[in-house]
Amino acid sequence: MEIRTATEADIPDIQSIYAHHVLTGTGTFEEEPPSVEEMTERFAKVADNGWSWLVATDATGVLGFAYYTQFRERSAYRFCVEDSVYVREDVRGQGVGKALVARLIEDATANGMRQMVAVIGDSENTGSIGVHASLGFQMVGTLRAAGVKFGRWVDVVSMQRPLGRGDADVP
């Protein structure tokens, strides 16, 4: 497996992986898969801001993708980022997601970020919760019944990890 910076050529595979999660899972609260064009716009926003968008690949193609964005748009959040990670269904549980998030942590730290937040759809999403916990994220809260998907209430789990010097000083 190779982890590299994503390119526009990867977007059809990224869109396909994400569409599967939108249609079958509660890790995202989107209910209609975005088009390739919409994913291209999202990719451009990440790239234009200097944030990381990564793909994991092997001989079979794109195995998964991950990216980070500023946690919220207000300038006070400029050192806090939120990660997103999605893995192709046939390779889940094989370390792809963990490898992608580990690389995002490295990239965000190198870019001067001080905190990374994971906003995980569904408190039953033990895979994502476990991956983040194994990489040093701490549980910071759960929003109970924050969304409705597939006819049921779904929680949102928040996890956080300091990067670099964290809150030891103000950059």
N, C-alpha and C. Protein backbone atom coordinates (compact mmCIF):
# COMPACT_ATOMS: atom_id res chain seq x y z
N MET A 1 0.85 -1.18 0.00
CA MET A 1 0.00 0.00 0.00
C MET A 1 0.89 1.24 0.00
N GLU A 2 0.50 2.19 -0.80
CA GLU A 2 1.20 3.48 -0.86
C GLU A 2 0.21 4.57 -0.45
N ILE A 3 0.69 5.51 0.35
CA ILE A 3 -0.11 6.68 0.69
C ILE A 3 0.54 7.87 0.01
N ARG A 4 -0.27 8.61 -0.72
CA ARG A 4 0.25 9.77 -1.47
C ARG A 4 -0.80 10.86 -1.49
N THR A 5 -0.36 12.03 -1.92
CA THR A 5 -1.28 13.14 -2.11
C THR A 5 -2.24 12.80 -3.25
N ALA A 6 -3.50 13.03 -3.03
CA ALA A 6 -4.51 12.76 -4.05
C ALA A 6 -4.36 13.75 -5.21
N THR A 7 -4.80 13.33 -6.37
CA THR A 7 -4.84 14.18 -7.55
C THR A 7 -6.26 14.19 -8.10
N GLU A 8 -6.53 15.10 -9.02
CA GLU A 8 -7.86 15.13 -9.63
C GLU A 8 -8.19 13.81 -10.33
N ALA A 9 -7.19 13.09 -10.80
CA ALA A 9 -7.44 11.81 -11.45
C ALA A 9 -8.02 10.78 -10.48
N ASP A 10 -7.82 10.97 -9.19
CA ASP A 10 -8.34 10.05 -8.18
C ASP A 10 -9.80 10.31 -7.82
N ILE A 11 -10.34 11.44 -8.23
CA ILE A 11 -11.65 11.86 -7.75
C ILE A 11 -12.77 10.89 -8.13
N PRO A 12 -12.81 10.29 -9.32
CA PRO A 12 -13.88 9.31 -9.57
C PRO A 12 -13.86 8.15 -8.57
N ASP A 13 -12.69 7.65 -8.22
CA ASP A 13 -12.60 6.57 -7.23
C ASP A 13 -12.98 7.07 -5.85
N ILE A 14 -12.55 8.27 -5.50
CA ILE A 14 -12.91 8.87 -4.21
C ILE A 14 -14.42 9.02 -4.13
N GLN A 15 -15.03 9.53 -5.18
CA GLN A 15 -16.48 9.73 -5.20
C GLN A 15 -17.20 8.39 -5.04
N SER A 16 -16.71 7.36 -5.68
CA SER A 16 -17.33 6.04 -5.58
C SER A 16 -17.27 5.49 -4.16
N ILE A 17 -16.11 5.61 -3.52
CA ILE A 17 -15.96 5.15 -2.14
C ILE A 17 -16.90 5.93 -1.23
N TYR A 18 -16.92 7.24 -1.38
CA TYR A 18 -17.75 8.07 -0.53
C TYR A 18 -19.24 7.80 -0.77
N ALA A 19 -19.63 7.63 -2.03
CA ALA A 19 -21.03 7.34 -2.35
C ALA A 19 -21.50 6.09 -1.63
N HIS A 20 -20.66 5.08 -1.58
CA HIS A 20 -21.02 3.85 -0.87
C HIS A 20 -21.31 4.15 0.60
N HIS A 21 -20.44 4.95 1.23
CA HIS A 21 -20.64 5.30 2.64
C HIS A 21 -21.90 6.13 2.85
N VAL A 22 -22.17 7.05 1.93
CA VAL A 22 -23.38 7.87 2.02
C VAL A 22 -24.62 6.97 1.96
N LEU A 23 -24.63 6.02 1.03
CA LEU A 23 -25.81 5.20 0.79
C LEU A 23 -26.01 4.07 1.79
N THR A 24 -24.93 3.64 2.47
CA THR A 24 -25.04 2.46 3.31
C THR A 24 -24.64 2.67 4.77
N GLY A 25 -24.02 3.79 5.10
CA GLY A 25 -23.49 3.95 6.44
C GLY A 25 -23.93 5.22 7.14
N THR A 26 -23.59 5.29 8.42
CA THR A 26 -23.93 6.45 9.23
C THR A 26 -22.69 7.24 9.63
N GLY A 27 -21.55 6.92 9.03
CA GLY A 27 -20.33 7.68 9.29
C GLY A 27 -20.40 9.08 8.71
N THR A 28 -21.24 9.27 7.73
CA THR A 28 -21.53 10.59 7.17
C THR A 28 -23.02 10.80 7.25
N PHE A 29 -23.43 12.02 7.49
CA PHE A 29 -24.85 12.33 7.57
C PHE A 29 -25.41 12.79 6.23
N GLU A 30 -24.58 12.82 5.19
CA GLU A 30 -25.12 13.11 3.86
C GLU A 30 -26.03 11.96 3.47
N GLU A 31 -27.11 12.28 2.76
CA GLU A 31 -28.05 11.24 2.36
C GLU A 31 -28.10 11.03 0.85
N GLU A 32 -27.54 11.97 0.10
CA GLU A 32 -27.45 11.84 -1.35
C GLU A 32 -25.97 11.96 -1.72
N PRO A 33 -25.43 10.99 -2.43
CA PRO A 33 -24.00 11.07 -2.78
C PRO A 33 -23.71 12.29 -3.66
N PRO A 34 -22.66 13.02 -3.33
CA PRO A 34 -22.27 14.13 -4.21
C PRO A 34 -21.74 13.60 -5.53
N SER A 35 -21.89 14.40 -6.56
CA SER A 35 -21.40 14.03 -7.89
C SER A 35 -19.88 14.14 -7.94
N VAL A 36 -19.31 13.62 -9.00
CA VAL A 36 -17.87 13.78 -9.22
C VAL A 36 -17.52 15.26 -9.28
N GLU A 37 -18.38 16.06 -9.90
CA GLU A 37 -18.13 17.50 -9.99
C GLU A 37 -18.10 18.15 -8.61
N GLU A 38 -19.03 17.78 -7.75
CA GLU A 38 -19.06 18.31 -6.38
C GLU A 38 -17.82 17.87 -5.60
N MET A 39 -17.42 16.61 -5.76
CA MET A 39 -16.21 16.13 -5.08
C MET A 39 -14.98 16.87 -5.60
N THR A 40 -14.98 17.21 -6.88
CA THR A 40 -13.88 17.99 -7.44
C THR A 40 -13.80 19.36 -6.79
N GLU A 41 -14.96 19.99 -6.57
CA GLU A 41 -14.99 21.29 -5.88
C GLU A 41 -14.49 21.17 -4.44
N ARG A 42 -14.89 20.13 -3.75
CA ARG A 42 -14.43 19.92 -2.38
C ARG A 42 -12.92 19.70 -2.34
N PHE A 43 -12.44 18.91 -3.29
CA PHE A 43 -11.00 18.64 -3.39
C PHE A 43 -10.24 19.95 -3.63
N ALA A 44 -10.75 20.78 -4.53
CA ALA A 44 -10.09 22.05 -4.85
C ALA A 44 -10.03 22.96 -3.62
N LYS A 45 -11.09 22.99 -2.82
CA LYS A 45 -11.09 23.82 -1.62
C LYS A 45 -9.99 23.38 -0.65
N VAL A 46 -9.85 22.09 -0.48
CA VAL A 46 -8.80 21.56 0.40
C VAL A 46 -7.42 21.95 -0.15
N ALA A 47 -7.22 21.69 -1.43
CA ALA A 47 -5.93 21.99 -2.06
C ALA A 47 -5.62 23.49 -2.03
N ASP A 48 -6.62 24.31 -2.32
CA ASP A 48 -6.42 25.77 -2.36
C ASP A 48 -6.04 26.34 -1.00
N ASN A 49 -6.44 25.68 0.07
CA ASN A 49 -6.11 26.14 1.41
C ASN A 49 -4.82 25.53 1.96
N GLY A 50 -4.18 24.67 1.18
CA GLY A 50 -2.93 24.06 1.63
C GLY A 50 -3.11 22.93 2.62
N TRP A 51 -4.34 22.42 2.73
CA TRP A 51 -4.60 21.29 3.61
C TRP A 51 -4.28 20.00 2.86
N SER A 52 -4.21 18.89 3.56
CA SER A 52 -3.86 17.60 2.94
C SER A 52 -5.08 16.80 2.54
N TRP A 53 -5.02 16.24 1.34
CA TRP A 53 -5.99 15.24 0.88
C TRP A 53 -5.15 14.08 0.37
N LEU A 54 -5.29 12.94 1.00
CA LEU A 54 -4.46 11.77 0.72
C LEU A 54 -5.29 10.62 0.17
N VAL A 55 -4.62 9.74 -0.57
CA VAL A 55 -5.23 8.47 -0.96
C VAL A 55 -4.26 7.35 -0.60
N ALA A 56 -4.83 6.20 -0.28
CA ALA A 56 -4.06 4.97 -0.13
C ALA A 56 -4.36 4.15 -1.37
N THR A 57 -3.32 3.64 -2.00
CA THR A 57 -3.51 2.88 -3.24
C THR A 57 -2.69 1.60 -3.20
N ASP A 58 -3.10 0.67 -4.03
CA ASP A 58 -2.30 -0.51 -4.34
C ASP A 58 -2.63 -0.90 -5.77
N ALA A 59 -2.26 -2.09 -6.17
CA ALA A 59 -2.47 -2.52 -7.55
C ALA A 59 -3.95 -2.55 -7.93
N THR A 60 -4.84 -2.63 -6.94
CA THR A 60 -6.28 -2.67 -7.24
C THR A 60 -6.90 -1.29 -7.38
N GLY A 61 -6.13 -0.24 -7.07
CA GLY A 61 -6.65 1.13 -7.19
C GLY A 61 -6.66 1.86 -5.87
N VAL A 62 -7.57 2.81 -5.74
CA VAL A 62 -7.68 3.61 -4.51
C VAL A 62 -8.38 2.77 -3.45
N LEU A 63 -7.72 2.62 -2.31
CA LEU A 63 -8.25 1.83 -1.19
C LEU A 63 -9.05 2.69 -0.22
N GLY A 64 -8.69 3.96 -0.16
CA GLY A 64 -9.34 4.87 0.76
C GLY A 64 -8.78 6.25 0.60
N PHE A 65 -9.43 7.21 1.25
CA PHE A 65 -8.95 8.59 1.19
C PHE A 65 -9.18 9.26 2.53
N ALA A 66 -8.42 10.31 2.76
CA ALA A 66 -8.55 11.09 3.99
C ALA A 66 -8.09 12.50 3.70
N TYR A 67 -8.67 13.45 4.42
CA TYR A 67 -8.26 14.83 4.27
C TYR A 67 -8.54 15.56 5.57
N TYR A 68 -7.95 16.75 5.69
CA TYR A 68 -8.32 17.60 6.82
C TYR A 68 -8.65 18.99 6.32
N THR A 69 -9.53 19.63 7.10
CA THR A 69 -9.93 21.00 6.84
C THR A 69 -9.90 21.75 8.16
N GLN A 70 -9.91 23.06 8.07
CA GLN A 70 -10.02 23.85 9.30
C GLN A 70 -11.32 23.45 10.00
N PHE A 71 -11.26 23.29 11.33
CA PHE A 71 -12.40 22.81 12.09
C PHE A 71 -13.64 23.67 11.88
N ARG A 72 -13.51 24.96 11.96
CA ARG A 72 -14.57 25.92 11.68
C ARG A 72 -13.94 27.09 10.93
N GLU A 73 -14.76 27.88 10.25
CA GLU A 73 -14.22 28.93 9.38
C GLU A 73 -13.68 30.14 10.11
N ARG A 74 -14.12 30.44 11.31
CA ARG A 74 -13.64 31.63 12.01
C ARG A 74 -12.14 31.54 12.25
N SER A 75 -11.48 32.69 12.19
CA SER A 75 -10.01 32.72 12.26
C SER A 75 -9.46 32.15 13.57
N ALA A 76 -10.21 32.21 14.64
CA ALA A 76 -9.73 31.67 15.92
C ALA A 76 -9.44 30.17 15.83
N TYR A 77 -10.06 29.50 14.87
CA TYR A 77 -9.86 28.05 14.70
C TYR A 77 -8.70 27.71 13.76
N ARG A 78 -7.88 28.68 13.40
CA ARG A 78 -6.88 28.46 12.35
C ARG A 78 -5.82 27.40 12.68
N PHE A 79 -5.71 27.00 13.95
CA PHE A 79 -4.74 25.97 14.32
C PHE A 79 -5.42 24.64 14.69
N CYS A 80 -6.71 24.55 14.43
CA CYS A 80 -7.48 23.35 14.76
C CYS A 80 -8.10 22.80 13.48
N VAL A 81 -7.86 21.53 13.22
CA VAL A 81 -8.37 20.91 11.99
C VAL A 81 -9.24 19.71 12.32
N GLU A 82 -10.10 19.38 11.37
CA GLU A 82 -10.96 18.20 11.47
C GLU A 82 -10.57 17.22 10.38
N ASP A 83 -10.42 15.96 10.75
CA ASP A 83 -10.08 14.95 9.76
C ASP A 83 -11.32 14.22 9.26
N SER A 84 -11.22 13.69 8.06
CA SER A 84 -12.25 12.83 7.47
C SER A 84 -11.53 11.67 6.80
N VAL A 85 -12.06 10.47 6.98
CA VAL A 85 -11.42 9.29 6.39
C VAL A 85 -12.49 8.29 5.98
N TYR A 86 -12.33 7.75 4.78
CA TYR A 86 -13.26 6.76 4.24
C TYR A 86 -12.46 5.69 3.52
N VAL A 87 -12.86 4.44 3.72
CA VAL A 87 -12.12 3.29 3.17
C VAL A 87 -13.05 2.46 2.30
N ARG A 88 -12.50 1.94 1.22
CA ARG A 88 -13.26 1.07 0.32
C ARG A 88 -13.78 -0.14 1.11
N GLU A 89 -15.00 -0.50 0.86
CA GLU A 89 -15.69 -1.53 1.66
C GLU A 89 -14.91 -2.85 1.72
N ASP A 90 -14.31 -3.30 0.63
CA ASP A 90 -13.66 -4.61 0.62
C ASP A 90 -12.31 -4.64 1.33
N VAL A 91 -11.82 -3.50 1.81
CA VAL A 91 -10.54 -3.49 2.54
C VAL A 91 -10.69 -2.90 3.95
N ARG A 92 -11.91 -2.71 4.41
CA ARG A 92 -12.11 -2.20 5.77
C ARG A 92 -11.52 -3.19 6.78
N GLY A 93 -10.96 -2.64 7.86
CA GLY A 93 -10.39 -3.47 8.92
C GLY A 93 -9.00 -3.98 8.63
N GLN A 94 -8.36 -3.47 7.57
CA GLN A 94 -7.03 -3.93 7.19
C GLN A 94 -5.94 -2.88 7.42
N GLY A 95 -6.25 -1.82 8.17
CA GLY A 95 -5.25 -0.82 8.50
C GLY A 95 -5.15 0.36 7.56
N VAL A 96 -5.99 0.40 6.55
CA VAL A 96 -5.94 1.49 5.57
C VAL A 96 -6.31 2.82 6.24
N GLY A 97 -7.42 2.84 6.95
CA GLY A 97 -7.86 4.06 7.61
C GLY A 97 -6.85 4.56 8.63
N LYS A 98 -6.31 3.66 9.42
CA LYS A 98 -5.32 4.05 10.43
C LYS A 98 -4.08 4.65 9.77
N ALA A 99 -3.62 4.05 8.70
CA ALA A 99 -2.44 4.58 8.00
C ALA A 99 -2.72 5.96 7.43
N LEU A 100 -3.90 6.16 6.90
CA LEU A 100 -4.26 7.47 6.34
C LEU A 100 -4.34 8.54 7.43
N VAL A 101 -4.99 8.24 8.55
CA VAL A 101 -5.10 9.22 9.63
C VAL A 101 -3.72 9.51 10.23
N ALA A 102 -2.89 8.49 10.37
CA ALA A 102 -1.53 8.70 10.90
C ALA A 102 -0.77 9.68 10.02
N ARG A 103 -0.90 9.55 8.72
CA ARG A 103 -0.23 10.46 7.79
C ARG A 103 -0.84 11.86 7.86
N LEU A 104 -2.15 11.95 8.03
CA LEU A 104 -2.79 13.27 8.19
C LEU A 104 -2.25 13.98 9.42
N ILE A 105 -2.07 13.23 10.51
CA ILE A 105 -1.52 13.80 11.74
C ILE A 105 -0.13 14.38 11.46
N GLU A 106 0.69 13.63 10.76
CA GLU A 106 2.04 14.11 10.40
C GLU A 106 1.96 15.38 9.56
N ASP A 107 1.12 15.36 8.54
CA ASP A 107 1.00 16.51 7.64
C ASP A 107 0.49 17.75 8.37
N ALA A 108 -0.54 17.58 9.18
CA ALA A 108 -1.12 18.72 9.90
C ALA A 108 -0.11 19.29 10.90
N THR A 109 0.61 18.42 11.57
CA THR A 109 1.64 18.87 12.52
C THR A 109 2.72 19.66 11.78
N ALA A 110 3.17 19.14 10.65
CA ALA A 110 4.20 19.81 9.86
C ALA A 110 3.70 21.17 9.36
N ASN A 111 2.39 21.31 9.17
CA ASN A 111 1.80 22.57 8.71
C ASN A 111 1.45 23.51 9.86
N GLY A 112 1.92 23.19 11.08
CA GLY A 112 1.74 24.09 12.21
C GLY A 112 0.41 23.99 12.93
N MET A 113 -0.38 22.98 12.61
CA MET A 113 -1.65 22.81 13.30
C MET A 113 -1.38 22.31 14.72
N ARG A 114 -2.28 22.64 15.66
CA ARG A 114 -2.08 22.30 17.07
C ARG A 114 -3.11 21.32 17.62
N GLN A 115 -4.26 21.18 16.98
CA GLN A 115 -5.29 20.26 17.43
C GLN A 115 -5.95 19.61 16.22
N MET A 116 -6.28 18.33 16.36
CA MET A 116 -7.07 17.64 15.34
C MET A 116 -8.30 17.06 16.02
N VAL A 117 -9.45 17.27 15.39
CA VAL A 117 -10.73 16.83 15.89
C VAL A 117 -11.31 15.81 14.92
N ALA A 118 -11.87 14.75 15.47
CA ALA A 118 -12.62 13.77 14.68
C ALA A 118 -14.08 13.91 15.07
N VAL A 119 -14.93 14.16 14.09
CA VAL A 119 -16.37 14.25 14.31
C VAL A 119 -16.95 13.01 13.64
N ILE A 120 -17.25 12.00 14.45
CA ILE A 120 -17.58 10.67 13.95
C ILE A 120 -19.08 10.43 14.00
N GLY A 121 -19.65 10.17 12.85
CA GLY A 121 -21.06 9.84 12.79
C GLY A 121 -21.30 8.48 13.40
N ASP A 122 -22.20 8.42 14.37
CA ASP A 122 -22.71 7.19 14.97
C ASP A 122 -21.82 6.66 16.09
N SER A 123 -22.35 6.66 17.28
CA SER A 123 -21.61 6.13 18.43
C SER A 123 -21.40 4.62 18.30
N GLU A 124 -22.08 3.97 17.35
CA GLU A 124 -21.86 2.55 17.08
C GLU A 124 -20.77 2.33 16.03
N ASN A 125 -20.14 3.38 15.56
CA ASN A 125 -19.07 3.30 14.56
C ASN A 125 -17.76 2.94 15.26
N THR A 126 -17.69 1.72 15.75
CA THR A 126 -16.54 1.29 16.56
C THR A 126 -15.25 1.26 15.76
N GLY A 127 -15.33 1.05 14.46
CA GLY A 127 -14.11 1.04 13.64
C GLY A 127 -13.42 2.38 13.66
N SER A 128 -14.15 3.44 13.35
CA SER A 128 -13.57 4.78 13.32
C SER A 128 -13.17 5.24 14.72
N ILE A 129 -14.00 4.97 15.70
CA ILE A 129 -13.66 5.34 17.07
C ILE A 129 -12.38 4.64 17.50
N GLY A 130 -12.26 3.36 17.19
CA GLY A 130 -11.07 2.59 17.54
C GLY A 130 -9.82 3.07 16.83
N VAL A 131 -9.93 3.38 15.55
CA VAL A 131 -8.78 3.90 14.80
C VAL A 131 -8.29 5.18 15.45
N HIS A 132 -9.19 6.10 15.72
CA HIS A 132 -8.79 7.37 16.30
C HIS A 132 -8.20 7.19 17.70
N ALA A 133 -8.81 6.34 18.52
CA ALA A 133 -8.28 6.09 19.87
C ALA A 133 -6.87 5.50 19.79
N SER A 134 -6.64 4.62 18.83
CA SER A 134 -5.32 3.98 18.70
C SER A 134 -4.24 4.98 18.28
N LEU A 135 -4.65 6.12 17.76
CA LEU A 135 -3.71 7.16 17.33
C LEU A 135 -3.65 8.33 18.31
N GLY A 136 -4.16 8.13 19.51
CA GLY A 136 -4.02 9.14 20.55
C GLY A 136 -5.16 10.12 20.70
N PHE A 137 -6.25 9.92 19.98
CA PHE A 137 -7.42 10.78 20.14
C PHE A 137 -8.14 10.39 21.42
N GLN A 138 -8.63 11.40 22.13
CA GLN A 138 -9.41 11.19 23.35
C GLN A 138 -10.86 11.54 23.08
N MET A 139 -11.75 10.80 23.70
CA MET A 139 -13.17 11.10 23.61
C MET A 139 -13.43 12.42 24.33
N VAL A 140 -14.09 13.36 23.68
CA VAL A 140 -14.40 14.64 24.33
C VAL A 140 -15.90 14.90 24.43
N GLY A 141 -16.69 14.06 23.79
CA GLY A 141 -18.12 14.24 23.95
C GLY A 141 -18.94 13.47 22.93
N THR A 142 -20.21 13.35 23.24
CA THR A 142 -21.15 12.71 22.33
C THR A 142 -22.41 13.56 22.26
N LEU A 143 -22.78 13.93 21.06
CA LEU A 143 -24.05 14.60 20.84
C LEU A 143 -25.09 13.51 20.59
N ARG A 144 -25.98 13.33 21.52
CA ARG A 144 -26.99 12.28 21.41
C ARG A 144 -28.08 12.68 20.41
N ALA A 145 -28.43 11.72 19.57
CA ALA A 145 -29.54 11.89 18.63
C ALA A 145 -29.42 13.20 17.85
N ALA A 146 -28.24 13.45 17.30
CA ALA A 146 -27.98 14.70 16.59
C ALA A 146 -28.52 14.68 15.16
N GLY A 147 -28.71 13.51 14.61
CA GLY A 147 -29.20 13.40 13.24
C GLY A 147 -30.11 12.21 13.08
N VAL A 148 -30.81 12.19 11.97
CA VAL A 148 -31.67 11.05 11.63
C VAL A 148 -31.20 10.54 10.28
N LYS A 149 -30.90 9.25 10.22
CA LYS A 149 -30.52 8.62 8.96
C LYS A 149 -31.02 7.18 8.98
N PHE A 150 -31.52 6.73 7.87
CA PHE A 150 -32.09 5.38 7.74
C PHE A 150 -33.18 5.12 8.77
N GLY A 151 -33.95 6.17 9.09
CA GLY A 151 -35.09 6.01 9.97
C GLY A 151 -34.76 5.85 11.44
N ARG A 152 -33.56 6.24 11.84
CA ARG A 152 -33.22 6.16 13.25
C ARG A 152 -32.38 7.35 13.67
N TRP A 153 -32.42 7.66 14.96
CA TRP A 153 -31.58 8.72 15.51
C TRP A 153 -30.14 8.25 15.53
N VAL A 154 -29.22 9.17 15.20
CA VAL A 154 -27.80 8.84 15.16
C VAL A 154 -27.03 9.86 15.98
N ASP A 155 -26.14 9.35 16.83
CA ASP A 155 -25.28 10.21 17.65
C ASP A 155 -24.09 10.72 16.83
N VAL A 156 -23.41 11.72 17.37
CA VAL A 156 -22.14 12.20 16.83
C VAL A 156 -21.12 12.14 17.97
N VAL A 157 -20.02 11.46 17.70
CA VAL A 157 -18.95 11.32 18.68
C VAL A 157 -17.84 12.30 18.33
N SER A 158 -17.37 13.04 19.33
CA SER A 158 -16.26 13.98 19.12
C SER A 158 -15.02 13.45 19.84
N MET A 159 -13.91 13.41 19.10
CA MET A 159 -12.63 12.99 19.66
C MET A 159 -11.60 14.06 19.28
N GLN A 160 -10.56 14.20 20.09
CA GLN A 160 -9.58 15.26 19.87
C GLN A 160 -8.19 14.76 20.20
N ARG A 161 -7.21 15.28 19.45
CA ARG A 161 -5.81 14.92 19.66
C ARG A 161 -4.95 16.17 19.50
N PRO A 162 -4.07 16.43 20.48
CA PRO A 162 -3.14 17.55 20.28
C PRO A 162 -2.11 17.20 19.21
N LEU A 163 -1.63 18.21 18.52
CA LEU A 163 -0.59 18.06 17.51
C LEU A 163 0.61 18.90 17.92
N GLY A 164 1.80 18.40 17.68
CA GLY A 164 3.00 19.17 18.02
C GLY A 164 2.99 19.59 19.46
N ARG A 165 3.12 20.89 19.70
CA ARG A 165 3.14 21.41 21.08
C ARG A 165 1.74 21.57 21.67
N GLY A 166 0.72 21.23 20.89
CA GLY A 166 -0.64 21.33 21.39
C GLY A 166 -0.92 22.69 21.97
N ASP A 167 -1.39 22.72 23.21
CA ASP A 167 -1.72 23.99 23.85
C ASP A 167 -0.63 24.46 24.81
N ALA A 168 0.61 23.96 24.65
CA ALA A 168 1.71 24.34 25.53
C ALA A 168 2.05 25.82 25.44
N ASP A 169 1.76 26.42 24.29
CA ASP A 169 1.96 27.84 24.10
C ASP A 169 1.05 28.31 22.97
N VAL A 170 1.00 29.59 22.74
CA VAL A 170 0.17 30.14 21.67
C VAL A 170 1.07 30.47 20.50
N PRO A 171 0.75 29.91 19.32
CA PRO A 171 1.61 30.17 18.13
C PRO A 171 1.60 31.63 17.72
